[in-house]
N, C-alpha and C. Protein backbone atom coordinates (compact mmCIF):
# COMPACT_ATOMS: atom_id res chain seq x y z
N UNK A 1 -32.61 70.34 186.98
CA UNK A 1 -33.80 69.39 187.04
C UNK A 1 -34.87 69.91 187.89
N UNK A 2 -34.49 70.59 188.92
CA UNK A 2 -35.59 71.12 189.98
C UNK A 2 -36.57 72.07 189.24
N UNK A 3 -36.15 72.67 188.22
CA UNK A 3 -37.01 73.60 187.42
C UNK A 3 -38.28 72.92 186.87
N UNK A 4 -38.19 71.63 186.55
CA UNK A 4 -39.32 70.83 186.00
C UNK A 4 -40.35 70.45 187.00
N UNK A 5 -39.88 70.27 188.30
CA UNK A 5 -40.91 69.77 189.23
C UNK A 5 -40.36 70.29 190.67
N UNK A 6 -40.42 71.58 191.01
CA UNK A 6 -39.91 72.03 192.28
C UNK A 6 -40.32 71.19 193.54
N UNK A 7 -39.39 70.79 194.33
CA UNK A 7 -39.67 69.99 195.43
C UNK A 7 -39.97 68.48 195.23
N UNK A 8 -39.84 68.07 194.03
CA UNK A 8 -40.20 66.72 193.54
C UNK A 8 -39.10 66.18 192.90
N UNK A 9 -38.92 64.83 192.79
CA UNK A 9 -37.84 64.21 192.12
C UNK A 9 -37.98 64.00 190.71
N UNK A 10 -36.98 64.41 189.97
CA UNK A 10 -37.07 64.29 188.41
C UNK A 10 -35.92 63.32 188.02
N UNK A 11 -36.15 62.37 187.19
CA UNK A 11 -35.02 61.50 186.81
C UNK A 11 -34.63 62.01 185.50
N UNK A 12 -33.29 61.79 185.21
CA UNK A 12 -32.77 62.14 183.89
C UNK A 12 -31.90 61.04 183.43
N UNK A 13 -31.76 60.98 182.03
CA UNK A 13 -31.00 59.90 181.38
C UNK A 13 -30.08 60.79 180.34
N UNK A 14 -28.93 60.12 180.23
CA UNK A 14 -27.89 60.74 179.17
C UNK A 14 -27.56 59.44 178.35
N UNK A 15 -27.83 59.56 177.02
CA UNK A 15 -27.50 58.47 176.08
C UNK A 15 -28.15 57.14 176.56
N UNK A 16 -29.42 57.27 177.05
CA UNK A 16 -30.22 56.14 177.40
C UNK A 16 -29.78 55.40 178.67
N UNK A 17 -29.01 56.10 179.58
CA UNK A 17 -28.63 55.64 180.79
C UNK A 17 -28.98 56.69 181.85
N UNK A 18 -29.61 56.25 182.92
CA UNK A 18 -29.98 57.20 184.07
C UNK A 18 -28.72 57.75 184.62
N UNK A 19 -28.82 59.01 184.96
CA UNK A 19 -27.74 59.77 185.53
C UNK A 19 -28.15 60.58 186.83
N UNK A 20 -27.25 61.03 187.51
CA UNK A 20 -27.58 61.94 188.65
C UNK A 20 -27.32 63.38 188.38
N UNK A 21 -27.61 64.19 189.28
CA UNK A 21 -27.58 65.67 189.08
C UNK A 21 -26.13 66.20 188.73
N UNK A 22 -25.17 65.38 189.13
CA UNK A 22 -23.81 65.96 189.04
C UNK A 22 -23.12 65.26 187.81
N UNK A 23 -23.84 64.61 186.96
CA UNK A 23 -23.26 63.91 185.73
C UNK A 23 -22.71 64.99 184.79
N UNK A 24 -21.58 64.63 184.20
CA UNK A 24 -21.11 65.52 183.08
C UNK A 24 -21.79 65.33 181.78
N UNK A 25 -22.19 66.29 181.06
CA UNK A 25 -22.89 66.27 179.73
C UNK A 25 -21.96 66.90 178.75
N UNK A 26 -21.83 66.21 177.68
CA UNK A 26 -20.91 66.69 176.58
C UNK A 26 -21.84 67.00 175.37
N UNK A 27 -21.27 67.76 174.49
CA UNK A 27 -21.91 68.19 173.21
C UNK A 27 -22.29 66.87 172.51
N UNK A 28 -23.54 66.75 171.89
CA UNK A 28 -23.93 65.66 171.10
C UNK A 28 -24.71 64.62 172.07
N UNK A 29 -24.59 64.77 173.31
CA UNK A 29 -25.24 63.78 174.21
C UNK A 29 -26.78 63.88 174.03
N UNK A 30 -27.54 62.87 174.15
CA UNK A 30 -29.00 62.73 174.11
C UNK A 30 -29.49 62.87 175.64
N UNK A 31 -30.27 63.83 176.01
CA UNK A 31 -30.80 63.98 177.33
C UNK A 31 -32.20 63.78 177.44
N UNK A 32 -32.68 63.06 178.32
CA UNK A 32 -34.13 62.90 178.47
C UNK A 32 -34.47 63.18 180.00
N UNK A 33 -35.58 63.78 180.19
CA UNK A 33 -36.08 64.07 181.59
C UNK A 33 -37.35 63.34 181.89
N UNK A 34 -37.52 62.73 183.02
CA UNK A 34 -38.66 61.93 183.33
C UNK A 34 -39.33 62.58 184.68
N UNK A 35 -40.40 63.39 184.45
CA UNK A 35 -41.01 64.10 185.52
C UNK A 35 -41.82 63.14 186.33
N UNK A 36 -42.19 63.45 187.62
CA UNK A 36 -43.00 62.66 188.45
C UNK A 36 -44.36 62.54 187.68
N UNK A 37 -45.00 61.34 187.76
CA UNK A 37 -46.23 61.11 187.16
C UNK A 37 -47.24 60.69 188.19
N UNK A 38 -48.49 61.25 188.10
CA UNK A 38 -49.53 60.95 189.09
C UNK A 38 -50.46 59.89 188.45
N UNK A 39 -50.89 58.98 189.22
CA UNK A 39 -51.90 58.12 188.76
C UNK A 39 -53.30 58.47 188.97
N UNK A 40 -54.17 57.78 188.46
CA UNK A 40 -55.72 58.25 188.77
C UNK A 40 -56.65 57.21 188.24
């Protein structure tokens, strides 16, 4: 996850549930990444 935004927090979800960086991922799982968003 750190590759998406070095030094910033990136959230991830597996099968539409938020997960931590140590979560196990299996074949067929749907993964989504939510990078930091800036406002303006």
